[in-house]
């Protein structure tokens, strides 16, 4: 579970750099966006394996659900805006980030047996 958390943490740092660029009116670099997507997708795959392959329960399942919703927002940002070189909508960026942070915190709480 800790490798999954580490991968999501790195994805978050990369995502934060993209969000800062978007908030400053700059277009986030495509290689950074691809790296963010690869890291987040890798974290999702590892979390799916933990939940369905190793029987992780409770909060880990909730974290997976929240991350999947955040991923949908990420797909919309990537395909509907970034790939078409359109400005990223600030509200969608904030919503995507908020869901991802919430999923991360729930996953961390699960790993630490806090919930």
Protein backbone atom coordinates (compact mmCIF):
# COMPACT_ATOMS: atom_id res chain seq x y z
CA UNK A 1 0.00 0.00 0.00
CA UNK A 2 2.89 2.36 0.73
CA UNK A 3 4.22 2.23 -2.83
CA UNK A 4 0.75 3.18 -4.04
CA UNK A 5 0.73 6.12 -1.64
CA UNK A 6 4.20 7.20 -2.79
CA UNK A 7 3.16 7.08 -6.46
CA UNK A 8 0.02 9.11 -5.75
CA UNK A 9 2.11 11.62 -3.76
CA UNK A 10 4.50 12.11 -6.68
CA UNK A 11 1.52 12.43 -9.05
CA UNK A 12 0.11 15.11 -6.72
CA UNK A 13 3.33 17.14 -6.78
CA UNK A 14 3.44 16.96 -10.57
CA UNK A 15 -0.26 17.86 -10.71
CA UNK A 16 0.31 20.82 -8.41
CA UNK A 17 2.93 22.18 -10.77
CA UNK A 18 0.43 21.91 -13.62
CA UNK A 19 -2.30 23.59 -11.58
CA UNK A 20 0.01 26.47 -10.69
CA UNK A 21 0.81 26.95 -14.37
CA UNK A 22 -2.91 26.91 -15.23
CA UNK A 23 -3.72 29.43 -12.47
CA UNK A 24 -1.00 31.72 -13.84
CA UNK A 25 -2.58 31.57 -17.28
CA UNK A 26 0.12 29.36 -18.76
CA UNK A 27 -0.45 26.14 -20.60
CA UNK A 28 0.94 23.17 -18.63
CA UNK A 29 3.66 21.36 -20.63
CA UNK A 30 2.44 18.20 -22.34
CA UNK A 31 5.29 15.98 -21.02
CA UNK A 32 4.41 17.01 -17.46
CA UNK A 33 0.72 16.23 -18.11
CA UNK A 34 1.64 12.82 -19.53
CA UNK A 35 3.86 12.08 -16.51
CA UNK A 36 1.04 13.08 -14.16
CA UNK A 37 -1.39 10.81 -16.01
CA UNK A 38 1.00 7.85 -16.03
CA UNK A 39 1.72 8.21 -12.32
CA UNK A 40 -1.94 8.59 -11.38
CA UNK A 41 -2.97 5.66 -13.59
CA UNK A 42 -0.22 3.51 -12.05
CA UNK A 43 -1.44 4.41 -8.58
CA UNK A 44 -4.99 3.51 -9.58
CA UNK A 45 -3.90 0.12 -10.94
CA UNK A 46 -1.98 -0.66 -7.75
CA UNK A 47 -4.96 0.42 -5.64
CA UNK A 48 -7.30 -1.73 -7.75
CA UNK A 49 -4.97 -4.69 -7.15
CA UNK A 50 -4.92 -3.96 -3.41
CA UNK A 51 -8.69 -3.74 -3.20
CA UNK A 52 -9.76 -6.54 -5.52
CA UNK A 53 -6.67 -8.75 -5.55
CA UNK A 54 -5.61 -8.57 -1.93
CA UNK A 55 -8.94 -7.87 -0.28
CA UNK A 56 -8.28 -4.39 1.10
CA UNK A 57 -11.53 -3.20 2.65
CA UNK A 58 -13.19 -0.18 4.18
CA UNK A 59 -11.40 3.08 3.66
CA UNK A 60 -9.20 1.72 0.86
CA UNK A 61 -12.36 1.01 -1.15
CA UNK A 62 -13.64 4.51 -0.46
CA UNK A 63 -10.30 5.94 -1.54
CA UNK A 64 -10.53 3.96 -4.77
CA UNK A 65 -14.02 5.31 -5.46
CA UNK A 66 -12.90 8.91 -4.86
CA UNK A 67 -9.78 8.45 -7.00
CA UNK A 68 -11.88 7.02 -9.83
CA UNK A 69 -14.13 10.10 -9.79
CA UNK A 70 -11.04 12.33 -9.73
CA UNK A 71 -9.67 10.35 -12.68
CA UNK A 72 -12.82 11.11 -14.67
CA UNK A 73 -12.16 14.80 -14.10
CA UNK A 74 -8.56 14.27 -15.15
CA UNK A 75 -9.68 12.61 -18.38
CA UNK A 76 -11.99 15.54 -19.14
CA UNK A 77 -9.18 18.01 -18.45
CA UNK A 78 -6.73 16.03 -20.60
CA UNK A 79 -8.95 15.19 -23.55
CA UNK A 80 -11.43 18.05 -23.77
CA UNK A 81 -9.05 20.87 -22.89
CA UNK A 82 -5.34 20.06 -22.71
CA UNK A 83 -5.21 17.94 -25.89
CA UNK A 84 -7.07 20.68 -27.76
CA UNK A 85 -4.83 23.39 -26.29
CA UNK A 86 -7.80 25.11 -24.66
CA UNK A 87 -7.38 26.89 -21.32
CA UNK A 88 -8.04 24.60 -18.39
CA UNK A 89 -11.19 25.61 -16.48
CA UNK A 90 -10.12 26.67 -13.00
CA UNK A 91 -13.20 25.14 -11.37
CA UNK A 92 -12.57 21.76 -12.94
CA UNK A 93 -8.89 21.89 -11.99
CA UNK A 94 -9.83 22.69 -8.38
CA UNK A 95 -12.51 19.97 -8.30
CA UNK A 96 -10.13 17.38 -9.76
CA UNK A 97 -7.43 18.31 -7.26
CA UNK A 98 -9.81 18.39 -4.29
CA UNK A 99 -11.11 14.91 -5.07
CA UNK A 100 -7.60 13.56 -5.57
CA UNK A 101 -6.44 15.06 -2.25
CA UNK A 102 -9.50 13.64 -0.50
CA UNK A 103 -8.80 10.20 -1.98
CA UNK A 104 -5.17 10.45 -0.94
CA UNK A 105 -6.07 11.37 2.65
CA UNK A 106 -8.56 8.51 2.90
CA UNK A 107 -5.98 6.10 1.50
CA UNK A 108 -3.35 7.36 3.93
CA UNK A 109 -5.79 6.99 6.82
CA UNK A 110 -6.49 3.42 5.70
CA UNK A 111 -2.78 2.59 5.50
CA UNK A 112 -2.23 4.00 8.99
CA UNK A 113 -5.26 2.10 10.33
CA UNK A 114 -6.88 5.35 11.44
CA UNK A 115 -10.26 4.39 9.99
